[in-house]
Amino acid sequence: MRRIEDFRACHDIASLAKKMVELERHVMFPAVYRLIELALLLLVATATVKRAFSSMKIIKTELRSKMSDGWLNDLMVCYIEQEIFKSIDLGKIKEDFWKDGRALPLPGSSRRH
């Protein structure tokens, strides 16, 4: 009876997962807990895939047949993960680029010696 009472307040799958961790039942029933994790992850994963295909449709429509598959893949990563790319410091990338001793300057910049 006690076991049933512990989970009686769980009205959704997220609260069930929290309660399992709280009561350390996720260790006793790892397969059940893993299924709950996967069910919770499914919504996020589906939304991410839909966003990726939507992005690909936008990019492919605008550029149609002007690109190779490799370039499309690179562009897609940048477009889909734009939150990550917005946080990248371009000045740091330029500094690292110059450290390699490359012979050609970046477009629009003067080479520092």
PDB file of N, CA and C in Angstrom:
ATOM      1  N   MET A   1       0.820  -1.192   0.000  1.00  0.00           N
ATOM      2  CA  MET A   1       0.000   0.000   0.000  1.00  0.00           C
ATOM      3  C   MET A   1       0.866   1.260   0.000  1.00  0.00           C
ATOM      4  N   ARG A   2       1.981   1.226   0.718  1.00  0.00           N
ATOM      5  CA  ARG A   2       2.854   2.399   0.817  1.00  0.00           C
ATOM      6  C   ARG A   2       3.396   2.792  -0.554  1.00  0.00           C
ATOM      7  N   ARG A   3       3.756   1.805  -1.352  1.00  0.00           N
ATOM      8  CA  ARG A   3       4.312   2.087  -2.672  1.00  0.00           C
ATOM      9  C   ARG A   3       3.305   2.805  -3.561  1.00  0.00           C
ATOM     10  N   ILE A   4       2.074   2.410  -3.476  1.00  0.00           N
ATOM     11  CA  ILE A   4       1.033   3.057  -4.275  1.00  0.00           C
ATOM     12  C   ILE A   4       0.847   4.504  -3.820  1.00  0.00           C
ATOM     13  N   GLU A   5       0.855   4.740  -2.536  1.00  0.00           N
ATOM     14  CA  GLU A   5       0.672   6.090  -1.996  1.00  0.00           C
ATOM     15  C   GLU A   5       1.795   7.031  -2.428  1.00  0.00           C
ATOM     16  N   ASP A   6       3.011   6.520  -2.540  1.00  0.00           N
ATOM     17  CA  ASP A   6       4.141   7.361  -2.945  1.00  0.00           C
ATOM     18  C   ASP A   6       3.930   7.974  -4.327  1.00  0.00           C
ATOM     19  N   PHE A   7       3.294   7.242  -5.202  1.00  0.00           N
ATOM     20  CA  PHE A   7       3.128   7.698  -6.579  1.00  0.00           C
ATOM     21  C   PHE A   7       1.727   8.233  -6.879  1.00  0.00           C
ATOM     22  N   ARG A   8       0.875   8.293  -5.885  1.00  0.00           N
ATOM     23  CA  ARG A   8      -0.503   8.732  -6.103  1.00  0.00           C
ATOM     24  C   ARG A   8      -0.579  10.185  -6.580  1.00  0.00           C
ATOM     25  N   ALA A   9       0.346  11.021  -6.156  1.00  0.00           N
ATOM     26  CA  ALA A   9       0.324  12.444  -6.527  1.00  0.00           C
ATOM     27  C   ALA A   9       0.859  12.694  -7.939  1.00  0.00           C
ATOM     28  N   CYS A  10       1.368  11.680  -8.585  1.00  0.00           N
ATOM     29  CA  CYS A  10       1.918  11.845  -9.938  1.00  0.00           C
ATOM     30  C   CYS A  10       0.777  11.840 -10.954  1.00  0.00           C
ATOM     31  N   HIS A  11       0.600  12.979 -11.606  1.00  0.00           N
ATOM     32  CA  HIS A  11      -0.492  13.095 -12.577  1.00  0.00           C
ATOM     33  C   HIS A  11       0.003  13.176 -14.016  1.00  0.00           C
ATOM     34  N   ASP A  12       1.315  13.222 -14.184  1.00  0.00           N
ATOM     35  CA  ASP A  12       1.878  13.208 -15.531  1.00  0.00           C
ATOM     36  C   ASP A  12       3.204  12.457 -15.510  1.00  0.00           C
ATOM     37  N   ILE A  13       3.741  12.222 -16.682  1.00  0.00           N
ATOM     38  CA  ILE A  13       4.946  11.401 -16.797  1.00  0.00           C
ATOM     39  C   ILE A  13       6.177  12.106 -16.212  1.00  0.00           C
ATOM     40  N   ALA A  14       6.218  13.438 -16.297  1.00  0.00           N
ATOM     41  CA  ALA A  14       7.358  14.182 -15.748  1.00  0.00           C
ATOM     42  C   ALA A  14       7.392  14.078 -14.226  1.00  0.00           C
ATOM     43  N   SER A  15       6.235  14.199 -13.588  1.00  0.00           N
ATOM     44  CA  SER A  15       6.208  14.082 -12.125  1.00  0.00           C
ATOM     45  C   SER A  15       6.514  12.648 -11.688  1.00  0.00           C
ATOM     46  N   LEU A  16       6.141  11.668 -12.510  1.00  0.00           N
ATOM     47  CA  LEU A  16       6.480  10.274 -12.215  1.00  0.00           C
ATOM     48  C   LEU A  16       7.996  10.078 -12.246  1.00  0.00           C
ATOM     49  N   ALA A  17       8.653  10.659 -13.245  1.00  0.00           N
ATOM     50  CA  ALA A  17      10.114  10.556 -13.338  1.00  0.00           C
ATOM     51  C   ALA A  17      10.777  11.211 -12.134  1.00  0.00           C
ATOM     52  N   LYS A  18      10.310  12.393 -11.751  1.00  0.00           N
ATOM     53  CA  LYS A  18      10.872  13.093 -10.585  1.00  0.00           C
ATOM     54  C   LYS A  18      10.689  12.270  -9.313  1.00  0.00           C
ATOM     55  N   LYS A  19       9.514  11.694  -9.152  1.00  0.00           N
ATOM     56  CA  LYS A  19       9.225  10.902  -7.952  1.00  0.00           C
ATOM     57  C   LYS A  19      10.080   9.636  -7.924  1.00  0.00           C
ATOM     58  N   MET A  20      10.304   9.020  -9.076  1.00  0.00           N
ATOM     59  CA  MET A  20      11.158   7.831  -9.123  1.00  0.00           C
ATOM     60  C   MET A  20      12.574   8.160  -8.668  1.00  0.00           C
ATOM     61  N   VAL A  21      13.105   9.295  -9.108  1.00  0.00           N
ATOM     62  CA  VAL A  21      14.454   9.701  -8.696  1.00  0.00           C
ATOM     63  C   VAL A  21      14.464  10.036  -7.213  1.00  0.00           C
ATOM     64  N   GLU A  22      13.446  10.749  -6.763  1.00  0.00           N
ATOM     65  CA  GLU A  22      13.347  11.136  -5.353  1.00  0.00           C
ATOM     66  C   GLU A  22      13.339   9.915  -4.437  1.00  0.00           C
ATOM     67  N   LEU A  23      12.622   8.878  -4.840  1.00  0.00           N
ATOM     68  CA  LEU A  23      12.517   7.658  -4.035  1.00  0.00           C
ATOM     69  C   LEU A  23      13.568   6.607  -4.415  1.00  0.00           C
ATOM     70  N   GLU A  24      14.475   6.973  -5.308  1.00  0.00           N
ATOM     71  CA  GLU A  24      15.538   6.094  -5.794  1.00  0.00           C
ATOM     72  C   GLU A  24      15.005   4.823  -6.451  1.00  0.00           C
ATOM     73  N   ARG A  25      13.837   4.935  -7.038  1.00  0.00           N
ATOM     74  CA  ARG A  25      13.246   3.797  -7.761  1.00  0.00           C
ATOM     75  C   ARG A  25      13.845   3.672  -9.164  1.00  0.00           C
ATOM     76  N   HIS A  26      14.479   4.751  -9.643  1.00  0.00           N
ATOM     77  CA  HIS A  26      15.104   4.682 -10.967  1.00  0.00           C
ATOM     78  C   HIS A  26      16.266   3.695 -10.970  1.00  0.00           C
ATOM     79  N   VAL A  27      16.839   3.429  -9.793  1.00  0.00           N
ATOM     80  CA  VAL A  27      17.918   2.446  -9.673  1.00  0.00           C
ATOM     81  C   VAL A  27      17.331   1.035  -9.645  1.00  0.00           C
ATOM     82  N   MET A  28      16.195   0.891  -8.981  1.00  0.00           N
ATOM     83  CA  MET A  28      15.551  -0.421  -8.870  1.00  0.00           C
ATOM     84  C   MET A  28      14.890  -0.850 -10.183  1.00  0.00           C
ATOM     85  N   PHE A  29      14.374   0.125 -10.925  1.00  0.00           N
ATOM     86  CA  PHE A  29      13.661  -0.163 -12.173  1.00  0.00           C
ATOM     87  C   PHE A  29      14.261   0.654 -13.325  1.00  0.00           C
ATOM     88  N   PRO A  30      15.498   0.334 -13.716  1.00  0.00           N
ATOM     89  CA  PRO A  30      16.169   1.157 -14.733  1.00  0.00           C
ATOM     90  C   PRO A  30      15.481   1.117 -16.102  1.00  0.00           C
ATOM     91  N   ALA A  31      14.900  -0.013 -16.464  1.00  0.00           N
ATOM     92  CA  ALA A  31      14.244  -0.107 -17.773  1.00  0.00           C
ATOM     93  C   ALA A  31      12.998   0.779 -17.820  1.00  0.00           C
ATOM     94  N   VAL A  32      12.233   0.778 -16.747  1.00  0.00           N
ATOM     95  CA  VAL A  32      11.035   1.621 -16.678  1.00  0.00           C
ATOM     96  C   VAL A  32      11.432   3.092 -16.721  1.00  0.00           C
ATOM     97  N   TYR A  33      12.453   3.443 -15.949  1.00  0.00           N
ATOM     98  CA  TYR A  33      12.909   4.832 -15.925  1.00  0.00           C
ATOM     99  C   TYR A  33      13.448   5.248 -17.289  1.00  0.00           C
ATOM    100  N   ARG A  34      14.150   4.355 -17.965  1.00  0.00           N
ATOM    101  CA  ARG A  34      14.689   4.665 -19.296  1.00  0.00           C
ATOM    102  C   ARG A  34      13.562   4.898 -20.292  1.00  0.00           C
ATOM    103  N   LEU A  35      12.501   4.102 -20.215  1.00  0.00           N
ATOM    104  CA  LEU A  35      11.342   4.300 -21.087  1.00  0.00           C
ATOM    105  C   LEU A  35      10.696   5.660 -20.841  1.00  0.00           C
ATOM    106  N   ILE A  36      10.605   6.054 -19.577  1.00  0.00           N
ATOM    107  CA  ILE A  36      10.046   7.369 -19.244  1.00  0.00           C
ATOM    108  C   ILE A  36      10.933   8.471 -19.817  1.00  0.00           C
ATOM    109  N   GLU A  37      12.251   8.326 -19.671  1.00  0.00           N
ATOM    110  CA  GLU A  37      13.187   9.314 -20.232  1.00  0.00           C
ATOM    111  C   GLU A  37      13.015   9.430 -21.746  1.00  0.00           C
ATOM    112  N   LEU A  38      12.921   8.298 -22.412  1.00  0.00           N
ATOM    113  CA  LEU A  38      12.772   8.311 -23.867  1.00  0.00           C
ATOM    114  C   LEU A  38      11.448   8.933 -24.291  1.00  0.00           C
ATOM    115  N   ALA A  39      10.391   8.666 -23.536  1.00  0.00           N
ATOM    116  CA  ALA A  39       9.093   9.268 -23.849  1.00  0.00           C
ATOM    117  C   ALA A  39       9.144  10.785 -23.695  1.00  0.00           C
ATOM    118  N   LEU A  40       9.839  11.258 -22.666  1.00  0.00           N
ATOM    119  CA  LEU A  40       9.973  12.702 -22.469  1.00  0.00           C
ATOM    120  C   LEU A  40      10.862  13.328 -23.538  1.00  0.00           C
ATOM    121  N   LEU A  41      11.859  12.607 -23.974  1.00  0.00           N
ATOM    122  CA  LEU A  41      12.791  13.109 -24.978  1.00  0.00           C
ATOM    123  C   LEU A  41      12.178  13.131 -26.375  1.00  0.00           C
ATOM    124  N   LEU A  42      11.217  12.268 -26.618  1.00  0.00           N
ATOM    125  CA  LEU A  42      10.627  12.141 -27.944  1.00  0.00           C
ATOM    126  C   LEU A  42      10.047  13.458 -28.452  1.00  0.00           C
ATOM    127  N   LEU A  43       9.360  14.200 -27.608  1.00  0.00           N
ATOM    128  CA  LEU A  43       8.767  15.467 -28.029  1.00  0.00           C
ATOM    129  C   LEU A  43       9.829  16.470 -28.450  1.00  0.00           C
ATOM    130  N   VAL A  44      10.898  16.550 -27.677  1.00  0.00           N
ATOM    131  CA  VAL A  44      11.982  17.484 -27.992  1.00  0.00           C
ATOM    132  C   VAL A  44      12.691  17.059 -29.273  1.00  0.00           C
ATOM    133  N   ALA A  45      12.969  15.778 -29.393  1.00  0.00           N
ATOM    134  CA  ALA A  45      13.666  15.277 -30.578  1.00  0.00           C
ATOM    135  C   ALA A  45      12.830  15.484 -31.836  1.00  0.00           C
ATOM    136  N   THR A  46      11.538  15.255 -31.740  1.00  0.00           N
ATOM    137  CA  THR A  46      10.652  15.448 -32.886  1.00  0.00           C
ATOM    138  C   THR A  46      10.624  16.907 -33.309  1.00  0.00           C
ATOM    139  N   ALA A  47      10.534  17.806 -32.340  1.00  0.00           N
ATOM    140  CA  ALA A  47      10.526  19.240 -32.650  1.00  0.00           C
ATOM    141  C   ALA A  47      11.838  19.666 -33.296  1.00  0.00           C
ATOM    142  N   THR A  48      12.951  19.120 -32.820  1.00  0.00           N
ATOM    143  CA  THR A  48      14.261  19.460 -33.387  1.00  0.00           C
ATOM    144  C   THR A  48      14.370  18.989 -34.833  1.00  0.00           C
ATOM    145  N   VAL A  49      13.895  17.791 -35.109  1.00  0.00           N
ATOM    146  CA  VAL A  49      13.945  17.263 -36.476  1.00  0.00           C
ATOM    147  C   VAL A  49      13.036  18.078 -37.392  1.00  0.00           C
ATOM    148  N   LYS A  50      11.845  18.438 -36.906  1.00  0.00           N
ATOM    149  CA  LYS A  50      10.937  19.258 -37.713  1.00  0.00           C
ATOM    150  C   LYS A  50      11.571  20.608 -38.019  1.00  0.00           C
ATOM    151  N   ARG A  51      12.232  21.195 -37.024  1.00  0.00           N
ATOM    152  CA  ARG A  51      12.893  22.481 -37.223  1.00  0.00           C
ATOM    153  C   ARG A  51      14.018  22.351 -38.251  1.00  0.00           C
ATOM    154  N   ALA A  52      14.748  21.251 -38.194  1.00  0.00           N
ATOM    155  CA  ALA A  52      15.840  21.035 -39.148  1.00  0.00           C
ATOM    156  C   ALA A  52      15.305  20.916 -40.569  1.00  0.00           C
ATOM    157  N   PHE A  53      14.236  20.153 -40.759  1.00  0.00           N
ATOM    158  CA  PHE A  53      13.685  20.004 -42.101  1.00  0.00           C
ATOM    159  C   PHE A  53      13.067  21.304 -42.601  1.00  0.00           C
ATOM    160  N   SER A  54      12.455  22.056 -41.707  1.00  0.00           N
ATOM    161  CA  SER A  54      11.919  23.358 -42.079  1.00  0.00           C
ATOM    162  C   SER A  54      13.037  24.290 -42.515  1.00  0.00           C
ATOM    163  N   SER A  55      14.132  24.280 -41.771  1.00  0.00           N
ATOM    164  CA  SER A  55      15.295  25.100 -42.118  1.00  0.00           C
ATOM    165  C   SER A  55      15.868  24.680 -43.459  1.00  0.00           C
ATOM    166  N   MET A  56      15.951  23.377 -43.676  1.00  0.00           N
ATOM    167  CA  MET A  56      16.499  22.874 -44.930  1.00  0.00           C
ATOM    168  C   MET A  56      15.618  23.312 -46.097  1.00  0.00           C
ATOM    169  N   LYS A  57      14.314  23.303 -45.896  1.00  0.00           N
ATOM    170  CA  LYS A  57      13.396  23.720 -46.955  1.00  0.00           C
ATOM    171  C   LYS A  57      13.616  25.195 -47.297  1.00  0.00           C
ATOM    172  N   ILE A  58      13.786  26.038 -46.277  1.00  0.00           N
ATOM    173  CA  ILE A  58      14.031  27.466 -46.502  1.00  0.00           C
ATOM    174  C   ILE A  58      15.337  27.664 -47.254  1.00  0.00           C
ATOM    175  N   ILE A  59      16.386  27.028 -46.784  1.00  0.00           N
ATOM    176  CA  ILE A  59      17.703  27.192 -47.406  1.00  0.00           C
ATOM    177  C   ILE A  59      17.701  26.639 -48.824  1.00  0.00           C
ATOM    178  N   LYS A  60      17.152  25.475 -49.016  1.00  0.00           N
ATOM    179  CA  LYS A  60      17.165  24.837 -50.332  1.00  0.00           C
ATOM    180  C   LYS A  60      16.302  25.622 -51.314  1.00  0.00           C
ATOM    181  N   THR A  61      15.203  26.216 -50.858  1.00  0.00           N
ATOM    182  CA  THR A  61      14.355  27.011 -51.734  1.00  0.00           C
ATOM    183  C   THR A  61      15.100  28.238 -52.235  1.00  0.00           C
ATOM    184  N   GLU A  62      15.813  28.908 -51.324  1.00  0.00           N
ATOM    185  CA  GLU A  62      16.516  30.130 -51.695  1.00  0.00           C
ATOM    186  C   GLU A  62      17.711  29.855 -52.601  1.00  0.00           C
ATOM    187  N   LEU A  63      18.397  28.776 -52.371  1.00  0.00           N
ATOM    188  CA  LEU A  63      19.635  28.520 -53.110  1.00  0.00           C
ATOM    189  C   LEU A  63      19.497  27.424 -54.163  1.00  0.00           C
ATOM    190  N   ARG A  64      18.343  26.804 -54.201  1.00  0.00           N
ATOM    191  CA  ARG A  64      17.986  25.710 -55.078  1.00  0.00           C
ATOM    192  C   ARG A  64      19.155  24.841 -55.513  1.00  0.00           C
ATOM    193  N   SER A  65      19.615  24.963 -56.720  1.00  0.00           N
ATOM    194  CA  SER A  65      20.637  24.030 -57.201  1.00  0.00           C
ATOM    195  C   SER A  65      22.021  24.661 -57.261  1.00  0.00           C
ATOM    196  N   LYS A  66      22.252  25.693 -56.489  1.00  0.00           N
ATOM    197  CA  LYS A  66      23.530  26.400 -56.547  1.00  0.00           C
ATOM    198  C   LYS A  66      24.571  25.834 -55.590  1.00  0.00           C
ATOM    199  N   MET A  67      24.265  24.778 -54.897  1.00  0.00           N
ATOM    200  CA  MET A  67      25.200  24.295 -53.881  1.00  0.00           C
ATOM    201  C   MET A  67      25.408  22.788 -53.951  1.00  0.00           C
ATOM    202  N   SER A  68      26.513  22.368 -53.417  1.00  0.00           N
ATOM    203  CA  SER A  68      26.790  20.936 -53.309  1.00  0.00           C
ATOM    204  C   SER A  68      26.220  20.423 -51.988  1.00  0.00           C
ATOM    205  N   ASP A  69      26.148  19.113 -51.841  1.00  0.00           N
ATOM    206  CA  ASP A  69      25.619  18.529 -50.604  1.00  0.00           C
ATOM    207  C   ASP A  69      26.472  18.881 -49.396  1.00  0.00           C
ATOM    208  N   GLY A  70      27.788  18.909 -49.565  1.00  0.00           N
ATOM    209  CA  GLY A  70      28.676  19.250 -48.449  1.00  0.00           C
ATOM    210  C   GLY A  70      28.443  20.657 -47.947  1.00  0.00           C
ATOM    211  N   TRP A  71      28.275  21.583 -48.871  1.00  0.00           N
ATOM    212  CA  TRP A  71      28.044  22.973 -48.480  1.00  0.00           C
ATOM    213  C   TRP A  71      26.688  23.112 -47.805  1.00  0.00           C
ATOM    214  N   LEU A  72      25.674  22.395 -48.326  1.00  0.00           N
ATOM    215  CA  LEU A  72      24.353  22.411 -47.703  1.00  0.00           C
ATOM    216  C   LEU A  72      24.436  21.875 -46.279  1.00  0.00           C
ATOM    217  N   ASN A  73      25.162  20.787 -46.066  1.00  0.00           N
ATOM    218  CA  ASN A  73      25.313  20.222 -44.723  1.00  0.00           C
ATOM    219  C   ASN A  73      25.958  21.219 -43.771  1.00  0.00           C
ATOM    220  N   ASP A  74      27.030  21.878 -44.216  1.00  0.00           N
ATOM    221  CA  ASP A  74      27.704  22.867 -43.371  1.00  0.00           C
ATOM    222  C   ASP A  74      26.779  24.029 -43.044  1.00  0.00           C
ATOM    223  N   LEU A  75      26.052  24.490 -44.048  1.00  0.00           N
ATOM    224  CA  LEU A  75      25.132  25.602 -43.850  1.00  0.00           C
ATOM    225  C   LEU A  75      23.997  25.214 -42.910  1.00  0.00           C
ATOM    226  N   MET A  76      23.523  23.972 -43.027  1.00  0.00           N
ATOM    227  CA  MET A  76      22.431  23.496 -42.171  1.00  0.00           C
ATOM    228  C   MET A  76      22.852  23.459 -40.708  1.00  0.00           C
ATOM    229  N   VAL A  77      24.058  23.000 -40.440  1.00  0.00           N
ATOM    230  CA  VAL A  77      24.536  22.946 -39.052  1.00  0.00           C
ATOM    231  C   VAL A  77      24.545  24.345 -38.464  1.00  0.00           C
ATOM    232  N   CYS A  78      25.050  25.299 -39.223  1.00  0.00           N
ATOM    233  CA  CYS A  78      25.097  26.688 -38.741  1.00  0.00           C
ATOM    234  C   CYS A  78      23.698  27.244 -38.522  1.00  0.00           C
ATOM    235  N   TYR A  79      22.762  26.931 -39.410  1.00  0.00           N
ATOM    236  CA  TYR A  79      21.408  27.462 -39.315  1.00  0.00           C
ATOM    237  C   TYR A  79      20.629  26.819 -38.171  1.00  0.00           C
ATOM    238  N   ILE A  80      20.740  25.511 -38.038  1.00  0.00           N
ATOM    239  CA  ILE A  80      19.990  24.800 -37.000  1.00  0.00           C
ATOM    240  C   ILE A  80      20.535  25.120 -35.616  1.00  0.00           C
ATOM    241  N   GLU A  81      21.842  25.191 -35.487  1.00  0.00           N
ATOM    242  CA  GLU A  81      22.470  25.457 -34.190  1.00  0.00           C
ATOM    243  C   GLU A  81      22.847  26.931 -34.056  1.00  0.00           C
ATOM    244  N   GLN A  82      21.987  27.819 -34.531  1.00  0.00           N
ATOM    245  CA  GLN A  82      22.335  29.234 -34.551  1.00  0.00           C
ATOM    246  C   GLN A  82      22.518  29.825 -33.164  1.00  0.00           C
ATOM    247  N   GLU A  83      21.888  29.268 -32.133  1.00  0.00           N
ATOM    248  CA  GLU A  83      22.107  29.771 -30.772  1.00  0.00           C
ATOM    249  C   GLU A  83      23.569  29.589 -30.364  1.00  0.00           C
ATOM    250  N   ILE A  84      24.130  28.455 -30.719  1.00  0.00           N
ATOM    251  CA  ILE A  84      25.533  28.180 -30.403  1.00  0.00           C
ATOM    252  C   ILE A  84      26.440  29.093 -31.216  1.00  0.00           C
ATOM    253  N   PHE A  85      26.144  29.241 -32.500  1.00  0.00           N
ATOM    254  CA  PHE A  85      26.997  30.049 -33.362  1.00  0.00           C
ATOM    255  C   PHE A  85      26.948  31.530 -33.004  1.00  0.00           C
ATOM    256  N   LYS A  86      25.837  32.004 -32.438  1.00  0.00           N
ATOM    257  CA  LYS A  86      25.755  33.404 -32.013  1.00  0.00           C
ATOM    258  C   LYS A  86      26.686  33.684 -30.842  1.00  0.00           C
ATOM    259  N   SER A  87      27.001  32.664 -30.067  1.00  0.00           N
ATOM    260  CA  SER A  87      27.853  32.853 -28.891  1.00  0.00           C
ATOM    261  C   SER A  87      29.349  32.757 -29.210  1.00  0.00           C
ATOM    262  N   ILE A  88      29.695  32.438 -30.441  1.00  0.00           N
ATOM    263  CA  ILE A  88      31.104  32.295 -30.822  1.00  0.00           C
ATOM    264  C   ILE A  88      31.727  33.672 -31.023  1.00  0.00           C
ATOM    265  N   ASP A  89      32.900  33.871 -30.450  1.00  0.00           N
ATOM    266  CA  ASP A  89      33.635  35.128 -30.578  1.00  0.00           C
ATOM    267  C   ASP A  89      34.450  35.100 -31.875  1.00  0.00           C
ATOM    268  N   LEU A  90      34.034  35.900 -32.852  1.00  0.00           N
ATOM    269  CA  LEU A  90      34.716  35.907 -34.145  1.00  0.00           C
ATOM    270  C   LEU A  90      36.131  36.461 -34.037  1.00  0.00           C
ATOM    271  N   GLY A  91      36.353  37.388 -33.111  1.00  0.00           N
ATOM    272  CA  GLY A  91      37.698  37.915 -32.899  1.00  0.00           C
ATOM    273  C   GLY A  91      38.660  36.820 -32.481  1.00  0.00           C
ATOM    274  N   LYS A  92      38.206  35.912 -31.634  1.00  0.00           N
ATOM    275  CA  LYS A  92      39.034  34.787 -31.182  1.00  0.00           C
ATOM    276  C   LYS A  92      39.365  33.856 -32.349  1.00  0.00           C
ATOM    277  N   ILE A  93      38.394  33.641 -33.212  1.00  0.00           N
ATOM    278  CA  ILE A  93      38.633  32.791 -34.382  1.00  0.00           C
ATOM    279  C   ILE A  93      39.687  33.430 -35.281  1.00  0.00           C
ATOM    280  N   LYS A  94      39.580  34.744 -35.492  1.00  0.00           N
ATOM    281  CA  LYS A  94      40.575  35.443 -36.317  1.00  0.00           C
ATOM    282  C   LYS A  94      41.963  35.338 -35.698  1.00  0.00           C
ATOM    283  N   GLU A  95      42.050  35.513 -34.375  1.00  0.00           N
ATOM    284  CA  GLU A  95      43.348  35.398 -33.695  1.00  0.00           C
ATOM    285  C   GLU A  95      43.942  34.007 -33.890  1.00  0.00           C
ATOM    286  N   ASP A  96      43.122  32.982 -33.713  1.00  0.00           N
ATOM    287  CA  ASP A  96      43.596  31.607 -33.909  1.00  0.00           C
ATOM    288  C   ASP A  96      44.011  31.371 -35.357  1.00  0.00           C
ATOM    289  N   PHE A  97      43.287  31.958 -36.277  1.00  0.00           N
ATOM    290  CA  PHE A  97      43.613  31.816 -37.692  1.00  0.00           C
ATOM    291  C   PHE A  97      44.992  32.399 -37.981  1.00  0.00           C
ATOM    292  N   TRP A  98      45.273  33.569 -37.412  1.00  0.00           N
ATOM    293  CA  TRP A  98      46.571  34.209 -37.649  1.00  0.00           C
ATOM    294  C   TRP A  98      47.706  33.463 -36.957  1.00  0.00           C
ATOM    295  N   LYS A  99      47.433  32.801 -35.844  1.00  0.00           N
ATOM    296  CA  LYS A  99      48.473  32.055 -35.127  1.00  0.00           C
ATOM    297  C   LYS A  99      49.025  30.911 -35.967  1.00  0.00           C
ATOM    298  N   ASP A 100      48.230  30.374 -36.847  1.00  0.00           N
ATOM    299  CA  ASP A 100      48.667  29.252 -37.675  1.00  0.00           C
ATOM    300  C   ASP A 100      49.679  29.674 -38.732  1.00  0.00           C
ATOM    301  N   GLY A 101      49.926  30.982 -38.878  1.00  0.00           N
ATOM    302  CA  GLY A 101      50.886  31.450 -39.859  1.00  0.00           C
ATOM    303  C   GLY A 101      50.419  31.287 -41.290  1.00  0.00           C
ATOM    304  N   ARG A 102      49.150  31.469 -41.510  1.00  0.00           N
ATOM    305  CA  ARG A 102      48.605  31.326 -42.861  1.00  0.00           C
ATOM    306  C   ARG A 102      49.088  32.480 -43.738  1.00  0.00           C
ATOM    307  N   ALA A 103      49.287  32.206 -45.006  1.00  0.00           N
ATOM    308  CA  ALA A 103      49.862  33.193 -45.920  1.00  0.00           C
ATOM    309  C   ALA A 103      48.833  34.199 -46.428  1.00  0.00           C
ATOM    310  N   LEU A 104      47.571  33.802 -46.554  1.00  0.00           N
ATOM    311  CA  LEU A 104      46.567  34.691 -47.121  1.00  0.00           C
ATOM    312  C   LEU A 104      45.773  35.390 -46.025  1.00  0.00           C
ATOM    313  N   PRO A 105      45.556  36.703 -46.150  1.00  0.00           N
ATOM    314  CA  PRO A 105      44.741  37.407 -45.158  1.00  0.00           C
ATOM    315  C   PRO A 105      43.262  37.094 -45.349  1.00  0.00           C
ATOM    316  N   LEU A 106      42.486  37.227 -44.284  1.00  0.00           N
ATOM    317  CA  LEU A 106      41.044  37.061 -44.378  1.00  0.00           C
ATOM    318  C   LEU A 106      40.469  38.201 -45.196  1.00  0.00           C
ATOM    319  N   PRO A 107      39.401  37.974 -45.947  1.00  0.00           N
ATOM    320  CA  PRO A 107      38.788  39.051 -46.727  1.00  0.00           C
ATOM    321  C   PRO A 107      38.348  40.197 -45.812  1.00  0.00           C
ATOM    322  N   GLY A 108      38.654  41.419 -46.227  1.00  0.00           N
ATOM    323  CA  GLY A 108      38.215  42.592 -45.480  1.00  0.00           C
ATOM    324  C   GLY A 108      39.035  42.912 -44.254  1.00  0.00           C
ATOM    325  N   SER A 109      40.176  42.300 -44.073  1.00  0.00           N
ATOM    326  CA  SER A 109      41.000  42.605 -42.903  1.00  0.00           C
ATOM    327  C   SER A 109      42.450  42.767 -43.331  1.00  0.00           C
ATOM    328  N   SER A 110      43.172  43.544 -42.557  1.00  0.00           N
ATOM    329  CA  SER A 110      44.598  43.698 -42.843  1.00  0.00           C
ATOM    330  C   SER A 110      45.374  42.761 -41.930  1.00  0.00           C
ATOM    331  N   ARG A 111      46.434  42.219 -42.430  1.00  0.00           N
ATOM    332  CA  ARG A 111      47.221  41.253 -41.658  1.00  0.00           C
ATOM    333  C   ARG A 111      48.060  41.964 -40.611  1.00  0.00           C
ATOM    334  N   ARG A 112      47.993  41.441 -39.383  1.00  0.00           N
ATOM    335  CA  ARG A 112      48.817  41.975 -38.295  1.00  0.00           C
ATOM    336  C   ARG A 112      50.101  41.180 -38.207  1.00  0.00           C
ATOM    337  N   HIS A 113      51.221  41.865 -38.008  1.00  0.00           N
ATOM    338  CA  HIS A 113      52.514  41.168 -37.874  1.00  0.00           C
ATOM    339  C   HIS A 113      52.971  41.203 -36.451  1.00  0.00           C
TER     340      HIS A 113
END
